[in-house]
């Protein structure tokens, strides 16, 4: 991997996905020091940020007689209904306090359309509506992406798969991600990414 044409994508390292947050991923804050160590080694650094309105359709609380982590059919496919999280302007939506953010070139906010969720950094969950990130990376001459962040089996996975479809080389930093593992979602994500050619490496291997 040539880091000169590689971007570091730091996925949703926000308070609500870290211990104590509304949708906490076990050991989620462990991705912060790993991500920080990697940043200086990539010429382009991208932060993504879940940024939901309070009436977002993916929140279980916005539907009658539903529970968090149940599944509802939406116009774009099956949608997991989540606890309210990363509400625009809330402390839970803020980046983890120890994450280095000032060196990022861009922040991609996603999930702000109340009628559709957006796991991937590249597309909303209809797999059609673009965030604009791919165009930016292409304009900058980026050919590969390296991913850290939360959660490995949802937003990181969807970003990785979309990046492959868009023609980028993709490496996932195994010690720089943590998973929710909802009903076997981690095994499914790992198989999908492996089958599609995503590379897995530790941060130490990348920095060697």
N, C-alpha and C. Protein backbone atom coordinates (compact mmCIF):
# COMPACT_ATOMS: atom_id res chain seq x y z
N UNK A 1 0.84 -1.20 0.00
CA UNK A 1 0.00 0.00 0.00
C UNK A 1 0.87 1.24 0.00
N UNK A 2 0.60 2.13 -0.91
CA UNK A 2 1.32 3.40 -0.99
C UNK A 2 0.52 4.46 -0.24
N UNK A 3 1.05 4.89 0.91
CA UNK A 3 0.29 5.84 1.72
C UNK A 3 0.12 7.19 1.05
N UNK A 4 0.91 7.47 0.01
CA UNK A 4 0.81 8.75 -0.67
C UNK A 4 -0.52 8.92 -1.40
N UNK A 5 -1.14 7.83 -1.79
CA UNK A 5 -2.45 7.94 -2.46
C UNK A 5 -3.53 7.20 -1.67
N UNK A 6 -3.36 7.20 -0.35
CA UNK A 6 -4.29 6.50 0.54
C UNK A 6 -4.88 7.46 1.55
N UNK A 7 -6.17 7.35 1.78
CA UNK A 7 -6.86 8.17 2.77
C UNK A 7 -7.21 7.33 3.99
N UNK A 8 -7.12 7.93 5.15
CA UNK A 8 -7.56 7.31 6.40
C UNK A 8 -8.98 7.76 6.68
N UNK A 9 -9.91 6.82 6.73
CA UNK A 9 -11.31 7.10 7.05
C UNK A 9 -11.58 6.69 8.49
N UNK A 10 -11.93 7.65 9.31
CA UNK A 10 -12.16 7.43 10.75
C UNK A 10 -13.66 7.48 10.99
N UNK A 11 -14.26 6.31 11.19
CA UNK A 11 -15.71 6.17 11.11
C UNK A 11 -16.38 6.32 12.48
N UNK A 12 -17.15 7.37 12.65
CA UNK A 12 -18.12 7.52 13.75
C UNK A 12 -17.53 7.27 15.14
N UNK A 13 -16.39 7.86 15.42
CA UNK A 13 -15.76 7.69 16.75
C UNK A 13 -16.35 8.77 17.66
N UNK A 14 -17.59 8.52 18.07
CA UNK A 14 -18.41 9.50 18.77
C UNK A 14 -18.81 8.97 20.14
N UNK A 15 -19.17 9.90 21.01
CA UNK A 15 -19.46 9.54 22.40
C UNK A 15 -20.55 8.49 22.53
N UNK A 16 -21.60 8.57 21.73
CA UNK A 16 -22.69 7.62 21.88
C UNK A 16 -22.32 6.20 21.51
N UNK A 17 -21.22 6.02 20.76
CA UNK A 17 -20.78 4.68 20.41
C UNK A 17 -19.67 4.18 21.34
N UNK A 18 -19.27 4.98 22.30
CA UNK A 18 -18.24 4.61 23.25
C UNK A 18 -18.86 4.29 24.60
N UNK A 19 -18.12 3.62 25.49
CA UNK A 19 -18.69 3.24 26.80
C UNK A 19 -19.37 4.43 27.48
N UNK A 20 -20.58 4.18 27.97
CA UNK A 20 -21.39 5.23 28.59
C UNK A 20 -22.33 5.91 27.64
N UNK A 21 -22.20 5.64 26.34
CA UNK A 21 -23.04 6.28 25.34
C UNK A 21 -24.35 5.56 25.13
N UNK A 22 -25.24 6.18 24.36
CA UNK A 22 -26.58 5.66 24.15
C UNK A 22 -26.60 4.37 23.34
N UNK A 23 -25.61 4.17 22.49
CA UNK A 23 -25.49 2.96 21.69
C UNK A 23 -24.05 2.47 21.77
N UNK A 24 -23.62 2.22 23.00
CA UNK A 24 -22.21 1.94 23.28
C UNK A 24 -21.77 0.62 22.66
N UNK A 25 -20.62 0.66 22.02
CA UNK A 25 -19.96 -0.53 21.51
C UNK A 25 -18.93 -0.96 22.56
N UNK A 26 -18.95 -2.22 22.92
CA UNK A 26 -18.02 -2.71 23.95
C UNK A 26 -16.58 -2.37 23.57
N UNK A 27 -15.87 -1.72 24.49
CA UNK A 27 -14.46 -1.37 24.28
C UNK A 27 -14.29 -0.38 23.14
N UNK A 28 -15.36 0.36 22.82
CA UNK A 28 -15.32 1.25 21.66
C UNK A 28 -14.26 2.32 21.74
N UNK A 29 -13.97 2.80 22.94
CA UNK A 29 -12.97 3.87 23.07
C UNK A 29 -11.55 3.38 22.81
N UNK A 30 -11.36 2.06 22.73
CA UNK A 30 -10.02 1.53 22.44
C UNK A 30 -9.56 1.87 21.03
N UNK A 31 -10.49 2.26 20.16
CA UNK A 31 -10.08 2.61 18.79
C UNK A 31 -9.43 3.99 18.73
N UNK A 32 -9.61 4.79 19.77
CA UNK A 32 -9.12 6.17 19.71
C UNK A 32 -7.61 6.25 19.63
N UNK A 33 -6.84 5.64 20.55
CA UNK A 33 -5.38 5.76 20.43
C UNK A 33 -4.82 5.13 19.17
N UNK A 34 -5.44 4.06 18.71
CA UNK A 34 -4.99 3.42 17.47
C UNK A 34 -5.17 4.39 16.30
N UNK A 35 -6.33 5.00 16.23
CA UNK A 35 -6.61 5.96 15.16
C UNK A 35 -5.67 7.15 15.22
N UNK A 36 -5.43 7.65 16.42
CA UNK A 36 -4.54 8.80 16.56
C UNK A 36 -3.13 8.48 16.08
N UNK A 37 -2.64 7.27 16.37
CA UNK A 37 -1.28 6.89 15.96
C UNK A 37 -1.14 6.84 14.44
N UNK A 38 -2.22 6.54 13.76
CA UNK A 38 -2.15 6.37 12.32
C UNK A 38 -2.23 7.68 11.54
N UNK A 39 -2.80 8.71 12.14
CA UNK A 39 -3.18 9.88 11.36
C UNK A 39 -2.04 10.54 10.60
N UNK A 40 -0.88 10.67 11.23
CA UNK A 40 0.22 11.38 10.58
C UNK A 40 0.80 10.64 9.39
N UNK A 41 0.40 9.40 9.18
CA UNK A 41 0.98 8.58 8.12
C UNK A 41 0.16 8.61 6.83
N UNK A 42 -0.90 9.42 6.81
CA UNK A 42 -1.75 9.47 5.63
C UNK A 42 -1.96 10.92 5.21
N UNK A 43 -1.87 11.20 3.91
CA UNK A 43 -1.96 12.58 3.45
C UNK A 43 -3.38 13.15 3.49
N UNK A 44 -4.38 12.26 3.48
CA UNK A 44 -5.78 12.69 3.53
C UNK A 44 -6.45 11.95 4.68
N UNK A 45 -7.11 12.71 5.55
CA UNK A 45 -7.76 12.14 6.74
C UNK A 45 -9.20 12.62 6.78
N UNK A 46 -10.12 11.66 6.91
CA UNK A 46 -11.55 11.95 6.84
C UNK A 46 -12.23 11.44 8.10
N UNK A 47 -12.99 12.30 8.75
CA UNK A 47 -13.84 11.91 9.87
C UNK A 47 -15.27 11.76 9.38
N UNK A 48 -15.96 10.71 9.83
CA UNK A 48 -17.40 10.65 9.59
C UNK A 48 -18.12 10.79 10.91
N UNK A 49 -19.33 11.32 10.83
CA UNK A 49 -20.09 11.65 12.04
C UNK A 49 -21.57 11.36 11.82
N UNK A 50 -22.10 10.40 12.59
CA UNK A 50 -23.55 10.20 12.60
C UNK A 50 -24.19 11.49 13.11
N UNK A 51 -25.25 11.94 12.43
CA UNK A 51 -25.79 13.28 12.73
C UNK A 51 -27.31 13.25 12.50
N UNK A 52 -28.01 12.61 13.44
CA UNK A 52 -29.43 12.32 13.25
C UNK A 52 -30.33 13.41 13.82
N UNK A 53 -31.42 13.75 13.11
CA UNK A 53 -32.47 14.56 13.73
C UNK A 53 -33.21 13.72 14.76
N UNK A 54 -33.85 14.37 15.71
CA UNK A 54 -34.53 13.64 16.79
C UNK A 54 -35.66 12.77 16.29
N UNK A 55 -36.22 13.11 15.12
CA UNK A 55 -37.34 12.33 14.58
C UNK A 55 -36.89 11.28 13.58
N UNK A 56 -35.65 10.86 13.66
CA UNK A 56 -35.12 9.94 12.65
C UNK A 56 -35.88 8.63 12.64
N UNK A 57 -36.15 8.12 11.44
CA UNK A 57 -36.97 6.92 11.29
C UNK A 57 -36.28 5.65 11.77
N UNK A 58 -34.98 5.68 12.00
CA UNK A 58 -34.27 4.50 12.50
C UNK A 58 -34.34 4.38 14.02
N UNK A 59 -34.94 5.35 14.69
CA UNK A 59 -35.04 5.31 16.15
C UNK A 59 -36.30 4.54 16.54
N UNK A 60 -36.13 3.52 17.36
CA UNK A 60 -37.28 2.72 17.79
C UNK A 60 -38.32 3.59 18.50
N UNK A 61 -37.87 4.60 19.23
CA UNK A 61 -38.80 5.45 19.98
C UNK A 61 -39.76 6.22 19.09
N UNK A 62 -39.46 6.32 17.80
CA UNK A 62 -40.32 7.05 16.88
C UNK A 62 -41.36 6.18 16.19
N UNK A 63 -41.49 4.92 16.64
CA UNK A 63 -42.48 4.01 16.09
C UNK A 63 -43.27 3.37 17.25
N UNK A 64 -44.55 3.20 17.06
CA UNK A 64 -45.38 2.58 18.09
C UNK A 64 -45.06 1.10 18.23
N UNK A 65 -45.04 0.66 19.48
CA UNK A 65 -44.92 -0.78 19.79
C UNK A 65 -43.70 -1.44 19.17
N UNK A 66 -42.58 -0.73 19.20
CA UNK A 66 -41.33 -1.31 18.71
C UNK A 66 -40.27 -1.22 19.80
N UNK A 67 -39.31 -2.12 19.73
CA UNK A 67 -38.22 -2.16 20.68
C UNK A 67 -36.89 -1.93 19.97
N UNK A 68 -35.94 -1.32 20.66
CA UNK A 68 -34.61 -1.19 20.07
C UNK A 68 -34.05 -2.54 19.65
N UNK A 69 -33.39 -2.55 18.52
CA UNK A 69 -32.73 -3.71 17.92
C UNK A 69 -33.70 -4.65 17.21
N UNK A 70 -34.97 -4.29 17.14
CA UNK A 70 -35.88 -5.01 16.26
C UNK A 70 -35.67 -4.50 14.84
N UNK A 71 -36.30 -5.15 13.88
CA UNK A 71 -36.10 -4.81 12.47
C UNK A 71 -37.43 -4.42 11.84
N UNK A 72 -37.40 -3.35 11.07
CA UNK A 72 -38.61 -2.87 10.38
C UNK A 72 -38.31 -2.72 8.89
N UNK A 73 -39.28 -3.10 8.07
CA UNK A 73 -39.14 -2.92 6.63
C UNK A 73 -39.34 -1.45 6.28
N UNK A 74 -38.35 -0.89 5.58
CA UNK A 74 -38.44 0.47 5.08
C UNK A 74 -38.47 0.43 3.55
N UNK A 75 -38.68 1.56 2.94
CA UNK A 75 -38.76 1.61 1.48
C UNK A 75 -37.47 1.14 0.82
N UNK A 76 -36.35 1.26 1.51
CA UNK A 76 -35.05 0.90 0.97
C UNK A 76 -34.56 -0.46 1.47
N UNK A 77 -35.39 -1.17 2.26
CA UNK A 77 -34.98 -2.48 2.77
C UNK A 77 -35.17 -2.57 4.27
N UNK A 78 -34.72 -3.68 4.84
CA UNK A 78 -34.86 -3.88 6.29
C UNK A 78 -33.96 -2.92 7.05
N UNK A 79 -34.50 -2.35 8.12
CA UNK A 79 -33.80 -1.36 8.93
C UNK A 79 -33.82 -1.79 10.39
N UNK A 80 -32.64 -1.90 11.00
CA UNK A 80 -32.58 -2.09 12.44
C UNK A 80 -33.06 -0.82 13.11
N UNK A 81 -33.90 -0.96 14.12
CA UNK A 81 -34.37 0.19 14.90
C UNK A 81 -33.47 0.35 16.12
N UNK A 82 -32.85 1.50 16.21
CA UNK A 82 -31.82 1.74 17.22
C UNK A 82 -32.35 2.56 18.38
N UNK A 83 -31.69 2.50 19.52
CA UNK A 83 -31.95 3.53 20.54
C UNK A 83 -31.59 4.90 19.98
N UNK A 84 -32.24 5.94 20.47
CA UNK A 84 -31.88 7.29 20.04
C UNK A 84 -30.38 7.51 20.29
N UNK A 85 -29.68 7.99 19.27
CA UNK A 85 -28.24 8.19 19.42
C UNK A 85 -27.77 9.26 18.44
N UNK A 86 -26.66 9.88 18.77
CA UNK A 86 -26.00 10.87 17.90
C UNK A 86 -26.99 11.89 17.35
N UNK A 87 -27.84 12.40 18.24
CA UNK A 87 -28.80 13.43 17.85
C UNK A 87 -28.04 14.74 17.60
N UNK A 88 -28.40 15.40 16.53
CA UNK A 88 -27.70 16.62 16.12
C UNK A 88 -27.53 17.60 17.28
N UNK A 89 -26.29 18.03 17.49
CA UNK A 89 -26.00 19.02 18.51
C UNK A 89 -25.87 18.48 19.92
N UNK A 90 -26.10 17.19 20.12
CA UNK A 90 -26.02 16.61 21.46
C UNK A 90 -24.59 16.23 21.81
N UNK A 91 -24.34 16.05 23.11
CA UNK A 91 -23.01 15.62 23.53
C UNK A 91 -22.70 14.23 23.00
N UNK A 92 -23.72 13.39 22.85
CA UNK A 92 -23.50 12.05 22.33
C UNK A 92 -23.02 12.04 20.89
N UNK A 93 -23.37 13.07 20.14
CA UNK A 93 -22.95 13.16 18.74
C UNK A 93 -21.53 13.69 18.58
N UNK A 94 -20.96 14.23 19.64
CA UNK A 94 -19.62 14.79 19.56
C UNK A 94 -18.58 13.68 19.44
N UNK A 95 -17.47 14.01 18.82
CA UNK A 95 -16.36 13.06 18.75
C UNK A 95 -15.80 12.81 20.15
N UNK A 96 -15.26 11.60 20.34
CA UNK A 96 -14.63 11.27 21.62
C UNK A 96 -13.59 12.33 21.96
N UNK A 97 -13.54 12.72 23.20
CA UNK A 97 -12.71 13.86 23.61
C UNK A 97 -11.22 13.63 23.35
N UNK A 98 -10.78 12.38 23.31
CA UNK A 98 -9.36 12.10 23.10
C UNK A 98 -8.99 11.88 21.64
N UNK A 99 -9.98 11.92 20.76
CA UNK A 99 -9.69 11.74 19.35
C UNK A 99 -9.10 13.02 18.76
N UNK A 100 -8.00 12.89 18.06
CA UNK A 100 -7.41 14.04 17.37
C UNK A 100 -8.29 14.35 16.15
N UNK A 101 -8.87 15.53 16.14
CA UNK A 101 -9.78 15.90 15.05
C UNK A 101 -9.29 17.09 14.23
N UNK A 102 -8.39 17.86 14.78
CA UNK A 102 -8.02 19.12 14.12
C UNK A 102 -7.21 18.92 12.85
N UNK A 103 -6.67 17.71 12.64
CA UNK A 103 -5.89 17.48 11.42
C UNK A 103 -6.73 16.88 10.30
N UNK A 104 -8.01 16.65 10.54
CA UNK A 104 -8.87 16.07 9.50
C UNK A 104 -9.09 17.08 8.37
N UNK A 105 -9.15 16.57 7.16
CA UNK A 105 -9.38 17.43 6.01
C UNK A 105 -10.86 17.69 5.78
N UNK A 106 -11.70 16.76 6.21
CA UNK A 106 -13.14 16.93 6.01
C UNK A 106 -13.88 16.08 7.04
N UNK A 107 -15.06 16.56 7.43
CA UNK A 107 -15.99 15.78 8.24
C UNK A 107 -17.21 15.47 7.39
N UNK A 108 -17.50 14.20 7.22
CA UNK A 108 -18.68 13.77 6.46
C UNK A 108 -19.79 13.46 7.46
N UNK A 109 -20.81 14.30 7.49
CA UNK A 109 -21.97 14.04 8.36
C UNK A 109 -22.99 13.22 7.58
N UNK A 110 -23.54 12.23 8.25
CA UNK A 110 -24.46 11.32 7.58
C UNK A 110 -25.61 10.96 8.50
N UNK A 111 -26.72 10.49 7.88
CA UNK A 111 -27.90 10.14 8.67
C UNK A 111 -28.73 11.33 9.07
N UNK A 112 -28.55 12.45 8.39
CA UNK A 112 -29.31 13.65 8.77
C UNK A 112 -30.65 13.75 8.05
N UNK A 113 -30.89 12.86 7.07
CA UNK A 113 -32.20 12.77 6.42
C UNK A 113 -33.09 11.90 7.31
N UNK A 114 -34.17 12.44 7.81
CA UNK A 114 -34.97 11.73 8.81
C UNK A 114 -35.65 10.49 8.27
N UNK A 115 -35.74 10.33 6.96
CA UNK A 115 -36.49 9.20 6.39
C UNK A 115 -35.61 8.04 5.96
N UNK A 116 -34.30 8.17 6.08
CA UNK A 116 -33.41 7.10 5.63
C UNK A 116 -32.14 7.09 6.46
N UNK A 117 -31.69 5.89 6.82
CA UNK A 117 -30.46 5.80 7.59
C UNK A 117 -29.27 5.83 6.64
N UNK A 118 -28.09 6.00 7.21
CA UNK A 118 -26.89 6.12 6.39
C UNK A 118 -25.72 5.54 7.17
N UNK A 119 -25.43 4.26 6.92
CA UNK A 119 -24.29 3.63 7.59
C UNK A 119 -22.98 3.99 6.91
N UNK A 120 -22.97 3.92 5.59
CA UNK A 120 -21.75 4.09 4.82
C UNK A 120 -21.32 5.55 4.74
N UNK A 121 -20.02 5.76 4.62
CA UNK A 121 -19.49 7.10 4.40
C UNK A 121 -19.71 7.57 2.96
N UNK A 122 -20.11 6.65 2.08
CA UNK A 122 -20.25 6.97 0.66
C UNK A 122 -21.69 7.11 0.19
N UNK A 123 -22.60 6.32 0.75
CA UNK A 123 -24.00 6.32 0.31
C UNK A 123 -24.93 6.20 1.51
N UNK A 124 -26.12 6.75 1.37
CA UNK A 124 -27.18 6.43 2.32
C UNK A 124 -27.64 4.99 2.08
N UNK A 125 -28.51 4.49 2.95
CA UNK A 125 -28.84 3.07 2.90
C UNK A 125 -29.68 2.65 1.70
N UNK A 126 -30.08 3.60 0.87
CA UNK A 126 -30.71 3.21 -0.39
C UNK A 126 -29.66 2.81 -1.44
N UNK A 127 -28.37 3.00 -1.08
CA UNK A 127 -27.24 2.68 -1.96
C UNK A 127 -27.26 3.51 -3.25
N UNK A 128 -28.00 4.60 -3.24
CA UNK A 128 -28.09 5.49 -4.40
C UNK A 128 -27.69 6.93 -4.05
N UNK A 129 -28.15 7.42 -2.90
CA UNK A 129 -27.92 8.81 -2.52
C UNK A 129 -26.49 8.97 -2.03
N UNK A 130 -25.71 9.80 -2.73
CA UNK A 130 -24.29 9.93 -2.46
C UNK A 130 -24.01 10.97 -1.37
N UNK A 131 -22.95 10.74 -0.61
CA UNK A 131 -22.50 11.74 0.36
C UNK A 131 -21.54 12.74 -0.28
N UNK A 132 -20.95 12.40 -1.41
CA UNK A 132 -19.96 13.25 -2.06
C UNK A 132 -18.53 12.88 -1.75
N UNK A 133 -18.33 11.93 -0.81
CA UNK A 133 -16.97 11.58 -0.41
C UNK A 133 -16.18 10.95 -1.56
N UNK A 134 -16.81 10.09 -2.33
CA UNK A 134 -16.08 9.42 -3.42
C UNK A 134 -15.53 10.45 -4.41
N UNK A 135 -16.34 11.44 -4.77
CA UNK A 135 -15.88 12.47 -5.69
C UNK A 135 -14.70 13.24 -5.16
N UNK A 136 -14.75 13.55 -3.87
CA UNK A 136 -13.63 14.27 -3.26
C UNK A 136 -12.35 13.45 -3.30
N UNK A 137 -12.45 12.17 -2.92
CA UNK A 137 -11.26 11.32 -2.91
C UNK A 137 -10.70 11.16 -4.32
N UNK A 138 -11.57 11.02 -5.30
CA UNK A 138 -11.10 10.91 -6.68
C UNK A 138 -10.39 12.19 -7.12
N UNK A 139 -10.94 13.33 -6.74
CA UNK A 139 -10.32 14.61 -7.10
C UNK A 139 -8.94 14.76 -6.48
N UNK A 140 -8.74 14.15 -5.32
CA UNK A 140 -7.46 14.23 -4.62
C UNK A 140 -6.48 13.15 -5.04
N UNK A 141 -6.88 12.32 -5.98
CA UNK A 141 -5.99 11.28 -6.46
C UNK A 141 -5.87 10.08 -5.54
N UNK A 142 -6.84 9.91 -4.66
CA UNK A 142 -6.81 8.80 -3.70
C UNK A 142 -7.24 7.52 -4.40
N UNK A 143 -6.45 6.46 -4.19
CA UNK A 143 -6.74 5.17 -4.81
C UNK A 143 -7.10 4.09 -3.78
N UNK A 144 -6.71 4.30 -2.53
CA UNK A 144 -6.97 3.31 -1.48
C UNK A 144 -7.44 4.00 -0.22
N UNK A 145 -8.17 3.26 0.61
CA UNK A 145 -8.61 3.79 1.90
C UNK A 145 -8.28 2.80 3.00
N UNK A 146 -7.98 3.34 4.16
CA UNK A 146 -7.76 2.56 5.38
C UNK A 146 -8.81 2.98 6.39
N UNK A 147 -9.47 2.01 7.01
CA UNK A 147 -10.62 2.30 7.87
C UNK A 147 -10.35 1.94 9.32
N UNK A 148 -10.73 2.86 10.20
CA UNK A 148 -10.83 2.59 11.62
C UNK A 148 -12.22 3.06 12.08
N UNK A 149 -12.63 2.65 13.29
CA UNK A 149 -13.82 3.24 13.86
C UNK A 149 -14.89 2.28 14.30
N UNK A 150 -16.13 2.79 14.34
CA UNK A 150 -17.26 2.10 14.96
C UNK A 150 -18.49 2.21 14.07
N UNK A 151 -19.26 1.16 14.04
CA UNK A 151 -18.97 -0.17 14.53
C UNK A 151 -18.55 -1.03 13.34
N UNK A 152 -17.66 -1.99 13.58
CA UNK A 152 -17.08 -2.77 12.50
C UNK A 152 -18.13 -3.48 11.65
N UNK A 153 -19.21 -3.94 12.29
CA UNK A 153 -20.20 -4.75 11.58
C UNK A 153 -21.33 -3.93 10.99
N UNK A 154 -21.30 -2.63 11.13
CA UNK A 154 -22.32 -1.78 10.51
C UNK A 154 -21.65 -0.67 9.70
N UNK A 155 -21.38 0.47 10.28
CA UNK A 155 -20.92 1.60 9.48
C UNK A 155 -19.55 1.36 8.85
N UNK A 156 -18.65 0.69 9.56
CA UNK A 156 -17.34 0.40 8.98
C UNK A 156 -17.48 -0.58 7.82
N UNK A 157 -18.25 -1.64 8.05
CA UNK A 157 -18.46 -2.65 7.01
C UNK A 157 -19.11 -2.06 5.78
N UNK A 158 -20.20 -1.31 5.95
CA UNK A 158 -20.88 -0.71 4.80
C UNK A 158 -19.95 0.23 4.04
N UNK A 159 -19.14 0.98 4.76
CA UNK A 159 -18.18 1.86 4.10
C UNK A 159 -17.16 1.07 3.31
N UNK A 160 -16.66 -0.01 3.91
CA UNK A 160 -15.66 -0.85 3.23
C UNK A 160 -16.22 -1.45 1.95
N UNK A 161 -17.43 -1.99 2.02
CA UNK A 161 -18.02 -2.63 0.84
C UNK A 161 -18.31 -1.61 -0.27
N UNK A 162 -18.80 -0.44 0.11
CA UNK A 162 -19.03 0.59 -0.89
C UNK A 162 -17.72 1.06 -1.51
N UNK A 163 -16.68 1.15 -0.70
CA UNK A 163 -15.38 1.58 -1.23
C UNK A 163 -14.86 0.58 -2.26
N UNK A 164 -15.04 -0.70 -1.98
CA UNK A 164 -14.65 -1.72 -2.97
C UNK A 164 -15.43 -1.53 -4.26
N UNK A 165 -16.74 -1.35 -4.14
CA UNK A 165 -17.59 -1.17 -5.33
C UNK A 165 -17.18 0.06 -6.14
N UNK A 166 -16.66 1.06 -5.46
CA UNK A 166 -16.25 2.29 -6.12
C UNK A 166 -14.84 2.22 -6.69
N UNK A 167 -14.17 1.09 -6.49
CA UNK A 167 -12.86 0.89 -7.10
C UNK A 167 -11.67 1.22 -6.23
N UNK A 168 -11.89 1.51 -4.96
CA UNK A 168 -10.78 1.79 -4.05
C UNK A 168 -10.23 0.48 -3.48
N UNK A 169 -8.93 0.43 -3.27
CA UNK A 169 -8.37 -0.61 -2.43
C UNK A 169 -8.76 -0.34 -0.98
N UNK A 170 -9.07 -1.38 -0.22
CA UNK A 170 -9.61 -1.18 1.12
C UNK A 170 -8.86 -2.04 2.13
N UNK A 171 -8.38 -1.39 3.18
CA UNK A 171 -7.76 -2.08 4.32
C UNK A 171 -8.49 -1.69 5.58
N UNK A 172 -8.89 -2.67 6.36
CA UNK A 172 -9.52 -2.43 7.66
C UNK A 172 -8.50 -2.68 8.75
N UNK A 173 -8.37 -1.74 9.68
CA UNK A 173 -7.41 -1.87 10.78
C UNK A 173 -8.08 -2.66 11.90
N UNK A 174 -7.67 -3.89 12.08
CA UNK A 174 -8.39 -4.80 12.96
C UNK A 174 -8.39 -4.34 14.42
N UNK A 175 -7.29 -3.75 14.88
CA UNK A 175 -7.26 -3.27 16.27
C UNK A 175 -7.78 -1.84 16.39
N UNK A 176 -8.19 -1.27 15.26
CA UNK A 176 -8.73 0.08 15.26
C UNK A 176 -10.23 0.11 15.07
N UNK A 177 -10.89 -1.05 15.21
CA UNK A 177 -12.34 -1.15 15.08
C UNK A 177 -12.90 -2.03 16.20
N UNK A 178 -14.14 -1.82 16.53
CA UNK A 178 -14.88 -2.68 17.46
C UNK A 178 -16.29 -2.86 16.90
N UNK A 179 -16.94 -3.98 17.30
CA UNK A 179 -18.23 -4.35 16.70
C UNK A 179 -19.34 -4.38 17.73
N UNK A 180 -20.58 -4.21 17.24
CA UNK A 180 -21.78 -4.40 18.07
C UNK A 180 -22.08 -5.88 18.20
N UNK A 181 -21.95 -6.63 17.12
CA UNK A 181 -22.24 -8.07 17.03
C UNK A 181 -23.68 -8.35 17.44
N UNK A 182 -24.59 -7.84 16.64
CA UNK A 182 -26.02 -8.00 16.86
C UNK A 182 -26.51 -9.23 16.10
N UNK A 183 -26.86 -10.29 16.82
CA UNK A 183 -27.40 -11.52 16.21
C UNK A 183 -26.51 -12.04 15.09
N UNK A 184 -25.22 -12.12 15.37
CA UNK A 184 -24.29 -12.67 14.39
C UNK A 184 -23.84 -11.70 13.33
N UNK A 185 -24.09 -10.41 13.53
CA UNK A 185 -23.75 -9.43 12.49
C UNK A 185 -22.24 -9.34 12.24
N UNK A 186 -21.43 -9.62 13.25
CA UNK A 186 -19.98 -9.52 13.05
C UNK A 186 -19.49 -10.61 12.10
N UNK A 187 -19.93 -11.85 12.32
CA UNK A 187 -19.52 -12.92 11.42
C UNK A 187 -19.97 -12.64 9.99
N UNK A 188 -21.20 -12.14 9.84
CA UNK A 188 -21.69 -11.82 8.51
C UNK A 188 -20.89 -10.72 7.86
N UNK A 189 -20.54 -9.70 8.63
CA UNK A 189 -19.75 -8.60 8.09
C UNK A 189 -18.36 -9.05 7.68
N UNK A 190 -17.73 -9.84 8.52
CA UNK A 190 -16.39 -10.32 8.21
C UNK A 190 -16.39 -11.17 6.94
N UNK A 191 -17.39 -12.02 6.80
CA UNK A 191 -17.47 -12.85 5.58
C UNK A 191 -17.69 -11.97 4.35
N UNK A 192 -18.60 -11.02 4.45
CA UNK A 192 -18.87 -10.14 3.31
C UNK A 192 -17.63 -9.38 2.90
N UNK A 193 -16.92 -8.84 3.86
CA UNK A 193 -15.73 -8.06 3.54
C UNK A 193 -14.62 -8.94 2.98
N UNK A 194 -14.43 -10.10 3.59
CA UNK A 194 -13.39 -11.02 3.10
C UNK A 194 -13.70 -11.47 1.68
N UNK A 195 -14.95 -11.84 1.43
CA UNK A 195 -15.35 -12.30 0.10
C UNK A 195 -15.17 -11.22 -0.96
N UNK A 196 -15.26 -9.97 -0.55
CA UNK A 196 -15.18 -8.86 -1.51
C UNK A 196 -13.76 -8.30 -1.65
N UNK A 197 -12.81 -8.89 -0.95
CA UNK A 197 -11.42 -8.50 -1.14
C UNK A 197 -10.88 -7.44 -0.21
N UNK A 198 -11.60 -7.15 0.87
CA UNK A 198 -11.08 -6.22 1.87
C UNK A 198 -9.88 -6.86 2.56
N UNK A 199 -8.82 -6.09 2.75
CA UNK A 199 -7.62 -6.55 3.45
C UNK A 199 -7.73 -6.18 4.92
N UNK A 200 -7.23 -7.06 5.80
CA UNK A 200 -7.23 -6.79 7.23
C UNK A 200 -5.79 -6.72 7.71
N UNK A 201 -5.50 -5.70 8.51
CA UNK A 201 -4.15 -5.52 9.04
C UNK A 201 -4.22 -4.85 10.40
N UNK A 202 -3.22 -5.11 11.23
CA UNK A 202 -3.13 -4.39 12.50
C UNK A 202 -2.44 -3.05 12.27
N UNK A 203 -2.60 -2.15 13.21
CA UNK A 203 -1.93 -0.85 13.09
C UNK A 203 -0.42 -1.02 13.09
N UNK A 204 0.08 -1.99 13.87
CA UNK A 204 1.52 -2.22 13.89
C UNK A 204 2.04 -2.67 12.53
N UNK A 205 1.26 -3.51 11.86
CA UNK A 205 1.66 -3.94 10.50
C UNK A 205 1.69 -2.77 9.54
N UNK A 206 0.73 -1.87 9.65
CA UNK A 206 0.68 -0.71 8.76
C UNK A 206 1.83 0.24 9.02
N UNK A 207 2.24 0.35 10.27
CA UNK A 207 3.27 1.31 10.63
C UNK A 207 4.68 0.74 10.53
N UNK A 208 4.78 -0.56 10.29
CA UNK A 208 6.10 -1.21 10.24
C UNK A 208 6.88 -0.70 9.02
